[in-house]
C-alpha cells in the first residue's frame, strides 16, 4: 500500500521534514537534488536526526556528532551501526513509501 509523504513540487534542495508511518518516525531530506528517506533516529542512542547537521552527503547526529553517509547509510566511524534507509515510491505527483 502506497503512503504519500509529499508532493514532488515541494522537494527542493535543503528540504527536511519528519513523518510518522505505522508508528515509525521517518525523515525525508533532499540532498544533492535527490530525496532520501531515513528513520528519524540515530542508530547509536536513538537521538532524533531531524535537527542533525548536513554537510554534503554527510549527516551528523546532534547528540554525539556521529557521522553517516546519506548515499549508503553507513556510519563513518568504525563500530557504529548504519542508518535505516527506506526505498521511496512514486505515485502521480507524490513521493512516499510502500508499506
PDB file of N, CA and C in Angstrom:
ATOM      1  N   UNK A   1       0.840  -1.175   0.000  1.00  0.00           N
ATOM      2  CA  UNK A   1       0.000   0.000   0.000  1.00  0.00           C
ATOM      3  C   UNK A   1       0.890   1.244   0.000  1.00  0.00           C
ATOM      4  N   UNK A   2       0.624   2.170  -0.901  1.00  0.00           N
ATOM      5  CA  UNK A   2       1.381   3.412  -1.028  1.00  0.00           C
ATOM      6  C   UNK A   2       0.902   4.421   0.011  1.00  0.00           C
ATOM      7  N   UNK A   3       1.852   4.989   0.747  1.00  0.00           N
ATOM      8  CA  UNK A   3       1.559   6.068   1.694  1.00  0.00           C
ATOM      9  C   UNK A   3       2.281   7.312   1.184  1.00  0.00           C
ATOM     10  N   UNK A   4       1.512   8.315   0.762  1.00  0.00           N
ATOM     11  CA  UNK A   4       2.091   9.554   0.243  1.00  0.00           C
ATOM     12  C   UNK A   4       2.677  10.371   1.389  1.00  0.00           C
ATOM     13  N   UNK A   5       3.861  10.929   1.149  1.00  0.00           N
ATOM     14  CA  UNK A   5       4.503  11.794   2.139  1.00  0.00           C
ATOM     15  C   UNK A   5       4.514  13.258   1.716  1.00  0.00           C
ATOM     16  N   UNK A   6       4.751  13.502   0.425  1.00  0.00           N
ATOM     17  CA  UNK A   6       4.907  14.882  -0.022  1.00  0.00           C
ATOM     18  C   UNK A   6       4.637  14.985  -1.519  1.00  0.00           C
ATOM     19  N   UNK A   7       4.278  16.186  -1.952  1.00  0.00           N
ATOM     20  CA  UNK A   7       4.143  16.452  -3.389  1.00  0.00           C
ATOM     21  C   UNK A   7       5.541  16.687  -3.964  1.00  0.00           C
ATOM     22  N   UNK A   8       5.800  16.151  -5.138  1.00  0.00           N
ATOM     23  CA  UNK A   8       7.113  16.269  -5.768  1.00  0.00           C
ATOM     24  C   UNK A   8       7.530  17.724  -5.961  1.00  0.00           C
ATOM     25  N   UNK A   9       6.582  18.592  -6.242  1.00  0.00           N
ATOM     26  CA  UNK A   9       6.890  20.006  -6.489  1.00  0.00           C
ATOM     27  C   UNK A   9       7.521  20.681  -5.270  1.00  0.00           C
ATOM     28  N   UNK A  10       7.297  20.130  -4.073  1.00  0.00           N
ATOM     29  CA  UNK A  10       7.832  20.717  -2.840  1.00  0.00           C
ATOM     30  C   UNK A  10       9.250  20.261  -2.509  1.00  0.00           C
ATOM     31  N   UNK A  11       9.766  19.298  -3.249  1.00  0.00           N
ATOM     32  CA  UNK A  11      11.081  18.733  -2.936  1.00  0.00           C
ATOM     33  C   UNK A  11      12.197  19.555  -3.574  1.00  0.00           C
ATOM     34  N   UNK A  12      12.645  20.540  -2.857  1.00  0.00           N
ATOM     35  CA  UNK A  12      13.742  21.406  -3.290  1.00  0.00           C
ATOM     36  C   UNK A  12      14.969  21.091  -2.441  1.00  0.00           C
ATOM     37  N   UNK A  13      16.147  21.470  -2.941  1.00  0.00           N
ATOM     38  CA  UNK A  13      17.386  21.277  -2.186  1.00  0.00           C
ATOM     39  C   UNK A  13      17.226  21.892  -0.790  1.00  0.00           C
ATOM     40  N   UNK A  14      17.626  21.146   0.238  1.00  0.00           N
ATOM     41  CA  UNK A  14      17.509  21.615   1.609  1.00  0.00           C
ATOM     42  C   UNK A  14      16.216  21.203   2.299  1.00  0.00           C
ATOM     43  N   UNK A  15      15.277  20.590   1.559  1.00  0.00           N
ATOM     44  CA  UNK A  15      14.016  20.141   2.150  1.00  0.00           C
ATOM     45  C   UNK A  15      14.322  19.157   3.284  1.00  0.00           C
ATOM     46  N   UNK A  16      13.576  19.277   4.381  1.00  0.00           N
ATOM     47  CA  UNK A  16      13.727  18.369   5.520  1.00  0.00           C
ATOM     48  C   UNK A  16      12.420  18.359   6.294  1.00  0.00           C
ATOM     49  N   UNK A  17      11.814  17.184   6.423  1.00  0.00           N
ATOM     50  CA  UNK A  17      10.536  17.094   7.136  1.00  0.00           C
ATOM     51  C   UNK A  17      10.380  15.699   7.726  1.00  0.00           C
ATOM     52  N   UNK A  18       9.776  15.644   8.911  1.00  0.00           N
ATOM     53  CA  UNK A  18       9.531  14.357   9.564  1.00  0.00           C
ATOM     54  C   UNK A  18       8.098  13.902   9.322  1.00  0.00           C
ATOM     55  N   UNK A  19       7.937  12.590   9.335  1.00  0.00           N
ATOM     56  CA  UNK A  19       6.634  11.949   9.146  1.00  0.00           C
ATOM     57  C   UNK A  19       6.547  10.769  10.102  1.00  0.00           C
ATOM     58  N   UNK A  20       5.322  10.350  10.377  1.00  0.00           N
ATOM     59  CA  UNK A  20       5.118   9.139  11.159  1.00  0.00           C
ATOM     60  C   UNK A  20       4.279   8.195  10.302  1.00  0.00           C
ATOM     61  N   UNK A  21       4.836   7.003  10.031  1.00  0.00           N
ATOM     62  CA  UNK A  21       4.150   5.992   9.228  1.00  0.00           C
ATOM     63  C   UNK A  21       4.143   4.696  10.021  1.00  0.00           C
ATOM     64  N   UNK A  22       2.960   4.180  10.288  1.00  0.00           N
ATOM     65  CA  UNK A  22       2.804   2.945  11.074  1.00  0.00           C
ATOM     66  C   UNK A  22       3.582   3.002  12.388  1.00  0.00           C
ATOM     67  N   UNK A  23       3.546   4.152  13.048  1.00  0.00           N
ATOM     68  CA  UNK A  23       4.201   4.314  14.340  1.00  0.00           C
ATOM     69  C   UNK A  23       5.695   4.566  14.273  1.00  0.00           C
ATOM     70  N   UNK A  24       6.259   4.611  13.079  1.00  0.00           N
ATOM     71  CA  UNK A  24       7.698   4.817  12.923  1.00  0.00           C
ATOM     72  C   UNK A  24       7.985   6.244  12.462  1.00  0.00           C
ATOM     73  N   UNK A  25       8.951   6.891  13.137  1.00  0.00           N
ATOM     74  CA  UNK A  25       9.345   8.250  12.775  1.00  0.00           C
ATOM     75  C   UNK A  25      10.299   8.194  11.592  1.00  0.00           C
ATOM     76  N   UNK A  26       9.977   8.930  10.534  1.00  0.00           N
ATOM     77  CA  UNK A  26      10.779   8.975   9.323  1.00  0.00           C
ATOM     78  C   UNK A  26      11.197  10.408   9.039  1.00  0.00           C
ATOM     79  N   UNK A  27      12.329  10.557   8.353  1.00  0.00           N
ATOM     80  CA  UNK A  27      12.845  11.864   7.976  1.00  0.00           C
ATOM     81  C   UNK A  27      13.111  11.854   6.479  1.00  0.00           C
ATOM     82  N   UNK A  28      12.449  12.768   5.770  1.00  0.00           N
ATOM     83  CA  UNK A  28      12.644  12.923   4.335  1.00  0.00           C
ATOM     84  C   UNK A  28      13.504  14.155   4.112  1.00  0.00           C
ATOM     85  N   UNK A  29      14.622  13.969   3.377  1.00  0.00           N
ATOM     86  CA  UNK A  29      15.550  15.051   3.086  1.00  0.00           C
ATOM     87  C   UNK A  29      15.797  15.091   1.593  1.00  0.00           C
ATOM     88  N   UNK A  30      16.191  16.255   1.104  1.00  0.00           N
ATOM     89  CA  UNK A  30      16.660  16.367  -0.282  1.00  0.00           C
ATOM     90  C   UNK A  30      18.109  16.811  -0.213  1.00  0.00           C
ATOM     91  N   UNK A  31      18.997  15.940  -0.718  1.00  0.00           N
ATOM     92  CA  UNK A  31      20.432  16.181  -0.689  1.00  0.00           C
ATOM     93  C   UNK A  31      20.962  15.994  -2.104  1.00  0.00           C
ATOM     94  N   UNK A  32      21.665  16.987  -2.609  1.00  0.00           N
ATOM     95  CA  UNK A  32      22.166  16.957  -3.991  1.00  0.00           C
ATOM     96  C   UNK A  32      21.026  16.686  -4.976  1.00  0.00           C
ATOM     97  N   UNK A  33      19.890  17.345  -4.723  1.00  0.00           N
ATOM     98  CA  UNK A  33      18.672  17.211  -5.543  1.00  0.00           C
ATOM     99  C   UNK A  33      18.134  15.793  -5.605  1.00  0.00           C
ATOM    100  N   UNK A  34      18.444  14.993  -4.573  1.00  0.00           N
ATOM    101  CA  UNK A  34      17.990  13.606  -4.507  1.00  0.00           C
ATOM    102  C   UNK A  34      17.260  13.399  -3.180  1.00  0.00           C
ATOM    103  N   UNK A  35      16.000  12.924  -3.226  1.00  0.00           N
ATOM    104  CA  UNK A  35      15.303  12.661  -1.976  1.00  0.00           C
ATOM    105  C   UNK A  35      15.852  11.411  -1.287  1.00  0.00           C
ATOM    106  N   UNK A  36      15.962  11.494   0.030  1.00  0.00           N
ATOM    107  CA  UNK A  36      16.453  10.393   0.850  1.00  0.00           C
ATOM    108  C   UNK A  36      15.490  10.239   2.022  1.00  0.00           C
ATOM    109  N   UNK A  37      15.090   9.000   2.296  1.00  0.00           N
ATOM    110  CA  UNK A  37      14.185   8.732   3.418  1.00  0.00           C
ATOM    111  C   UNK A  37      14.896   7.823   4.409  1.00  0.00           C
ATOM    112  N   UNK A  38      15.011   8.292   5.653  1.00  0.00           N
ATOM    113  CA  UNK A  38      15.675   7.517   6.702  1.00  0.00           C
ATOM    114  C   UNK A  38      14.787   7.475   7.938  1.00  0.00           C
ATOM    115  N   UNK A  39      15.117   6.568   8.827  1.00  0.00           N
ATOM    116  CA  UNK A  39      14.454   6.557  10.124  1.00  0.00           C
ATOM    117  C   UNK A  39      14.962   7.774  10.891  1.00  0.00           C
ATOM    118  N   UNK A  40      14.063   8.514  11.528  1.00  0.00           N
ATOM    119  CA  UNK A  40      14.434   9.724  12.269  1.00  0.00           C
ATOM    120  C   UNK A  40      14.948   9.329  13.651  1.00  0.00           C
ATOM    121  N   UNK A  41      16.045   8.555  13.625  1.00  0.00           N
ATOM    122  CA  UNK A  41      16.588   8.018  14.865  1.00  0.00           C
ATOM    123  C   UNK A  41      18.032   7.610  14.616  1.00  0.00           C
ATOM    124  N   UNK A  42      18.934   8.145  15.416  1.00  0.00           N
ATOM    125  CA  UNK A  42      20.337   7.759  15.304  1.00  0.00           C
ATOM    126  C   UNK A  42      20.489   6.325  15.803  1.00  0.00           C
ATOM    127  N   UNK A  43      21.180   5.471  15.048  1.00  0.00           N
ATOM    128  CA  UNK A  43      21.348   4.085  15.480  1.00  0.00           C
ATOM    129  C   UNK A  43      22.220   3.933  16.728  1.00  0.00           C
ATOM    130  N   UNK A  44      22.932   4.988  17.111  1.00  0.00           N
ATOM    131  CA  UNK A  44      23.811   4.921  18.273  1.00  0.00           C
ATOM    132  C   UNK A  44      23.012   4.939  19.580  1.00  0.00           C
ATOM    133  N   UNK A  45      22.218   5.996  19.800  1.00  0.00           N
ATOM    134  CA  UNK A  45      21.444   6.085  21.044  1.00  0.00           C
ATOM    135  C   UNK A  45      20.041   6.630  20.829  1.00  0.00           C
ATOM    136  N   UNK A  46      19.565   6.615  19.583  1.00  0.00           N
ATOM    137  CA  UNK A  46      18.179   6.953  19.322  1.00  0.00           C
ATOM    138  C   UNK A  46      17.835   8.427  19.238  1.00  0.00           C
ATOM    139  N   UNK A  47      18.817   9.299  19.199  1.00  0.00           N
ATOM    140  CA  UNK A  47      18.524  10.736  19.108  1.00  0.00           C
ATOM    141  C   UNK A  47      17.816  11.044  17.784  1.00  0.00           C
ATOM    142  N   UNK A  48      16.849  11.961  17.786  1.00  0.00           N
ATOM    143  CA  UNK A  48      16.198  12.341  16.530  1.00  0.00           C
ATOM    144  C   UNK A  48      17.198  13.019  15.601  1.00  0.00           C
ATOM    145  N   UNK A  49      17.102  12.706  14.314  1.00  0.00           N
ATOM    146  CA  UNK A  49      18.027  13.252  13.326  1.00  0.00           C
ATOM    147  C   UNK A  49      17.451  14.444  12.565  1.00  0.00           C
ATOM    148  N   UNK A  50      16.226  14.846  12.885  1.00  0.00           N
ATOM    149  CA  UNK A  50      15.594  15.962  12.176  1.00  0.00           C
ATOM    150  C   UNK A  50      16.387  17.252  12.327  1.00  0.00           C
ATOM    151  N   UNK A  51      17.139  17.399  13.418  1.00  0.00           N
ATOM    152  CA  UNK A  51      17.933  18.606  13.629  1.00  0.00           C
ATOM    153  C   UNK A  51      19.428  18.345  13.436  1.00  0.00           C
ATOM    154  N   UNK A  52      19.762  17.212  12.837  1.00  0.00           N
ATOM    155  CA  UNK A  52      21.164  16.879  12.577  1.00  0.00           C
ATOM    156  C   UNK A  52      21.750  17.860  11.573  1.00  0.00           C
ATOM    157  N   UNK A  53      23.055  18.062  11.635  1.00  0.00           N
ATOM    158  CA  UNK A  53      23.713  18.919  10.662  1.00  0.00           C
ATOM    159  C   UNK A  53      23.987  18.119   9.399  1.00  0.00           C
ATOM    160  N   UNK A  54      24.012  18.825   8.290  1.00  0.00           N
ATOM    161  CA  UNK A  54      24.200  18.195   6.995  1.00  0.00           C
ATOM    162  C   UNK A  54      25.268  18.963   6.233  1.00  0.00           C
ATOM    163  N   UNK A  55      26.305  18.252   5.830  1.00  0.00           N
ATOM    164  CA  UNK A  55      27.374  18.844   5.024  1.00  0.00           C
ATOM    165  C   UNK A  55      27.585  17.925   3.837  1.00  0.00           C
ATOM    166  N   UNK A  56      27.126  18.356   2.678  1.00  0.00           N
ATOM    167  CA  UNK A  56      27.196  17.489   1.501  1.00  0.00           C
ATOM    168  C   UNK A  56      26.351  16.252   1.721  1.00  0.00           C
ATOM    169  N   UNK A  57      26.967  15.086   1.624  1.00  0.00           N
ATOM    170  CA  UNK A  57      26.285  13.805   1.793  1.00  0.00           C
ATOM    171  C   UNK A  57      26.369  13.298   3.239  1.00  0.00           C
ATOM    172  N   UNK A  58      26.969  14.052   4.128  1.00  0.00           N
ATOM    173  CA  UNK A  58      27.227  13.581   5.491  1.00  0.00           C
ATOM    174  C   UNK A  58      26.240  14.205   6.476  1.00  0.00           C
ATOM    175  N   UNK A  59      25.517  13.326   7.164  1.00  0.00           N
ATOM    176  CA  UNK A  59      24.577  13.733   8.207  1.00  0.00           C
ATOM    177  C   UNK A  59      25.245  13.468   9.545  1.00  0.00           C
ATOM    178  N   UNK A  60      25.254  14.479  10.426  1.00  0.00           N
ATOM    179  CA  UNK A  60      25.926  14.349  11.721  1.00  0.00           C
ATOM    180  C   UNK A  60      24.897  14.459  12.849  1.00  0.00           C
ATOM    181  N   UNK A  61      24.841  13.442  13.674  1.00  0.00           N
ATOM    182  CA  UNK A  61      23.890  13.390  14.794  1.00  0.00           C
ATOM    183  C   UNK A  61      24.143  14.541  15.758  1.00  0.00           C
ATOM    184  N   UNK A  62      23.059  15.212  16.204  1.00  0.00           N
ATOM    185  CA  UNK A  62      23.231  16.352  17.106  1.00  0.00           C
ATOM    186  C   UNK A  62      23.663  15.948  18.520  1.00  0.00           C
ATOM    187  N   UNK A  63      23.451  14.708  18.907  1.00  0.00           N
ATOM    188  CA  UNK A  63      23.762  14.311  20.286  1.00  0.00           C
ATOM    189  C   UNK A  63      25.249  14.037  20.500  1.00  0.00           C
ATOM    190  N   UNK A  64      25.851  13.188  19.687  1.00  0.00           N
ATOM    191  CA  UNK A  64      27.256  12.828  19.894  1.00  0.00           C
ATOM    192  C   UNK A  64      28.144  13.104  18.685  1.00  0.00           C
ATOM    193  N   UNK A  65      27.589  13.681  17.621  1.00  0.00           N
ATOM    194  CA  UNK A  65      28.400  14.041  16.471  1.00  0.00           C
ATOM    195  C   UNK A  65      28.758  12.900  15.541  1.00  0.00           C
ATOM    196  N   UNK A  66      28.126  11.740  15.722  1.00  0.00           N
ATOM    197  CA  UNK A  66      28.416  10.621  14.820  1.00  0.00           C
ATOM    198  C   UNK A  66      27.981  10.986  13.412  1.00  0.00           C
ATOM    199  N   UNK A  67      28.776  10.584  12.427  1.00  0.00           N
ATOM    200  CA  UNK A  67      28.526  10.967  11.040  1.00  0.00           C
ATOM    201  C   UNK A  67      28.127   9.753  10.214  1.00  0.00           C
ATOM    202  N   UNK A  68      27.220   9.996   9.261  1.00  0.00           N
ATOM    203  CA  UNK A  68      26.694   8.947   8.403  1.00  0.00           C
ATOM    204  C   UNK A  68      26.642   9.431   6.961  1.00  0.00           C
ATOM    205  N   UNK A  69      26.931   8.528   6.039  1.00  0.00           N
ATOM    206  CA  UNK A  69      26.787   8.829   4.619  1.00  0.00           C
ATOM    207  C   UNK A  69      25.326   8.632   4.234  1.00  0.00           C
ATOM    208  N   UNK A  70      24.696   9.643   3.660  1.00  0.00           N
ATOM    209  CA  UNK A  70      23.303   9.508   3.250  1.00  0.00           C
ATOM    210  C   UNK A  70      23.147   8.671   1.982  1.00  0.00           C
ATOM    211  N   UNK A  71      24.185   8.594   1.164  1.00  0.00           N
ATOM    212  CA  UNK A  71      24.062   7.801  -0.056  1.00  0.00           C
ATOM    213  C   UNK A  71      24.124   6.305   0.232  1.00  0.00           C
ATOM    214  N   UNK A  72      24.883   5.898   1.239  1.00  0.00           N
ATOM    215  CA  UNK A  72      25.000   4.470   1.547  1.00  0.00           C
ATOM    216  C   UNK A  72      24.322   4.097   2.861  1.00  0.00           C
ATOM    217  N   UNK A  73      24.142   5.078   3.739  1.00  0.00           N
ATOM    218  CA  UNK A  73      23.580   4.804   5.056  1.00  0.00           C
ATOM    219  C   UNK A  73      24.624   4.392   6.080  1.00  0.00           C
ATOM    220  N   UNK A  74      25.840   4.102   5.638  1.00  0.00           N
ATOM    221  CA  UNK A  74      26.842   3.578   6.571  1.00  0.00           C
ATOM    222  C   UNK A  74      27.392   4.668   7.490  1.00  0.00           C
ATOM    223  N   UNK A  75      27.785   4.219   8.677  1.00  0.00           N
ATOM    224  CA  UNK A  75      28.419   5.110   9.644  1.00  0.00           C
ATOM    225  C   UNK A  75      29.837   5.384   9.194  1.00  0.00           C
ATOM    226  N   UNK A  76      30.331   6.575   9.447  1.00  0.00           N
ATOM    227  CA  UNK A  76      31.693   6.939   9.070  1.00  0.00           C
ATOM    228  C   UNK A  76      32.682   6.698  10.203  1.00  0.00           C
ATOM    229  N   UNK A  77      32.226   6.080  11.282  1.00  0.00           N
ATOM    230  CA  UNK A  77      33.078   5.678  12.396  1.00  0.00           C
ATOM    231  C   UNK A  77      33.001   4.160  12.497  1.00  0.00           C
ATOM    232  N   UNK A  78      34.115   3.501  12.791  1.00  0.00           N
ATOM    233  CA  UNK A  78      34.066   2.045  12.955  1.00  0.00           C
ATOM    234  C   UNK A  78      33.247   1.665  14.186  1.00  0.00           C
ATOM    235  N   UNK A  79      32.561   0.555  14.079  1.00  0.00           N
ATOM    236  CA  UNK A  79      31.829   0.022  15.221  1.00  0.00           C
ATOM    237  C   UNK A  79      30.439   0.586  15.436  1.00  0.00           C
ATOM    238  N   UNK A  80      29.993   1.497  14.600  1.00  0.00           N
ATOM    239  CA  UNK A  80      28.650   2.069  14.755  1.00  0.00           C
ATOM    240  C   UNK A  80      27.753   1.533  13.650  1.00  0.00           C
ATOM    241  N   UNK A  81      26.533   1.206  14.003  1.00  0.00           N
ATOM    242  CA  UNK A  81      25.563   0.727  13.013  1.00  0.00           C
ATOM    243  C   UNK A  81      25.217   1.861  12.048  1.00  0.00           C
ATOM    244  N   UNK A  82      24.765   1.492  10.867  1.00  0.00           N
ATOM    245  CA  UNK A  82      24.385   2.479   9.860  1.00  0.00           C
ATOM    246  C   UNK A  82      22.947   2.938  10.007  1.00  0.00           C
ATOM    247  N   UNK A  83      22.595   3.913   9.186  1.00  0.00           N
ATOM    248  CA  UNK A  83      21.229   4.441   9.154  1.00  0.00           C
ATOM    249  C   UNK A  83      20.278   3.427   8.532  1.00  0.00           C
ATOM    250  N   UNK A  84      19.030   3.512   8.919  1.00  0.00           N
ATOM    251  CA  UNK A  84      17.994   2.689   8.316  1.00  0.00           C
ATOM    252  C   UNK A  84      17.394   3.490   7.161  1.00  0.00           C
ATOM    253  N   UNK A  85      17.802   3.144   5.926  1.00  0.00           N
ATOM    254  CA  UNK A  85      17.312   3.815   4.716  1.00  0.00           C
ATOM    255  C   UNK A  85      16.061   3.122   4.208  1.00  0.00           C
ATOM    256  N   UNK A  86      15.146   3.885   3.639  1.00  0.00           N
ATOM    257  CA  UNK A  86      13.916   3.331   3.080  1.00  0.00           C
ATOM    258  C   UNK A  86      13.843   3.631   1.588  1.00  0.00           C
ATOM    259  N   UNK A  87      13.297   2.693   0.853  1.00  0.00           N
ATOM    260  CA  UNK A  87      13.113   2.883  -0.584  1.00  0.00           C
ATOM    261  C   UNK A  87      11.892   3.771  -0.804  1.00  0.00           C
ATOM    262  N   UNK A  88      12.076   4.802  -1.606  1.00  0.00           N
ATOM    263  CA  UNK A  88      10.975   5.713  -1.915  1.00  0.00           C
ATOM    264  C   UNK A  88      10.147   5.172  -3.064  1.00  0.00           C
ATOM    265  N   UNK A  89       8.880   5.513  -3.054  1.00  0.00           N
ATOM    266  CA  UNK A  89       7.960   5.119  -4.122  1.00  0.00           C
ATOM    267  C   UNK A  89       7.314   6.385  -4.671  1.00  0.00           C
ATOM    268  N   UNK A  90       6.855   6.299  -5.900  1.00  0.00           N
ATOM    269  CA  UNK A  90       6.246   7.457  -6.559  1.00  0.00           C
ATOM    270  C   UNK A  90       4.877   7.062  -7.101  1.00  0.00           C
ATOM    271  N   UNK A  91       3.927   7.977  -6.947  1.00  0.00           N
ATOM    272  CA  UNK A  91       2.589   7.770  -7.489  1.00  0.00           C
ATOM    273  C   UNK A  91       2.050   9.126  -7.915  1.00  0.00           C
ATOM    274  N   UNK A  92       1.875   9.297  -9.209  1.00  0.00           N
ATOM    275  CA  UNK A  92       1.415  10.590  -9.714  1.00  0.00           C
ATOM    276  C   UNK A  92       2.399  11.679  -9.365  1.00  0.00           C
ATOM    277  N   UNK A  93       1.916  12.732  -8.709  1.00  0.00           N
ATOM    278  CA  UNK A  93       2.794  13.843  -8.329  1.00  0.00           C
ATOM    279  C   UNK A  93       3.245  13.756  -6.878  1.00  0.00           C
ATOM    280  N   UNK A  94       3.205  12.557  -6.314  1.00  0.00           N
ATOM    281  CA  UNK A  94       3.545  12.358  -4.893  1.00  0.00           C
ATOM    282  C   UNK A  94       4.735  11.413  -4.737  1.00  0.00           C
ATOM    283  N   UNK A  95       5.484  11.648  -3.682  1.00  0.00           N
ATOM    284  CA  UNK A  95       6.544  10.737  -3.258  1.00  0.00           C
ATOM    285  C   UNK A  95       6.107  10.140  -1.933  1.00  0.00           C
ATOM    286  N   UNK A  96       6.447   8.893  -1.728  1.00  0.00           N
ATOM    287  CA  UNK A  96       6.021   8.242  -0.493  1.00  0.00           C
ATOM    288  C   UNK A  96       6.766   6.943  -0.275  1.00  0.00           C
ATOM    289  N   UNK A  97       6.103   6.035   0.393  1.00  0.00           N
ATOM    290  CA  UNK A  97       6.689   4.759   0.754  1.00  0.00           C
ATOM    291  C   UNK A  97       5.635   3.668   0.606  1.00  0.00           C
ATOM    292  N   UNK A  98       6.063   2.515   0.159  1.00  0.00           N
ATOM    293  CA  UNK A  98       5.166   1.357   0.098  1.00  0.00           C
ATOM    294  C   UNK A  98       5.279   0.611   1.414  1.00  0.00           C
ATOM    295  N   UNK A  99       4.136   0.380   2.057  1.00  0.00           N
ATOM    296  CA  UNK A  99       4.139  -0.345   3.330  1.00  0.00           C
ATOM    297  C   UNK A  99       3.368  -1.639   3.205  1.00  0.00           C
TER     298      UNK A  99
END
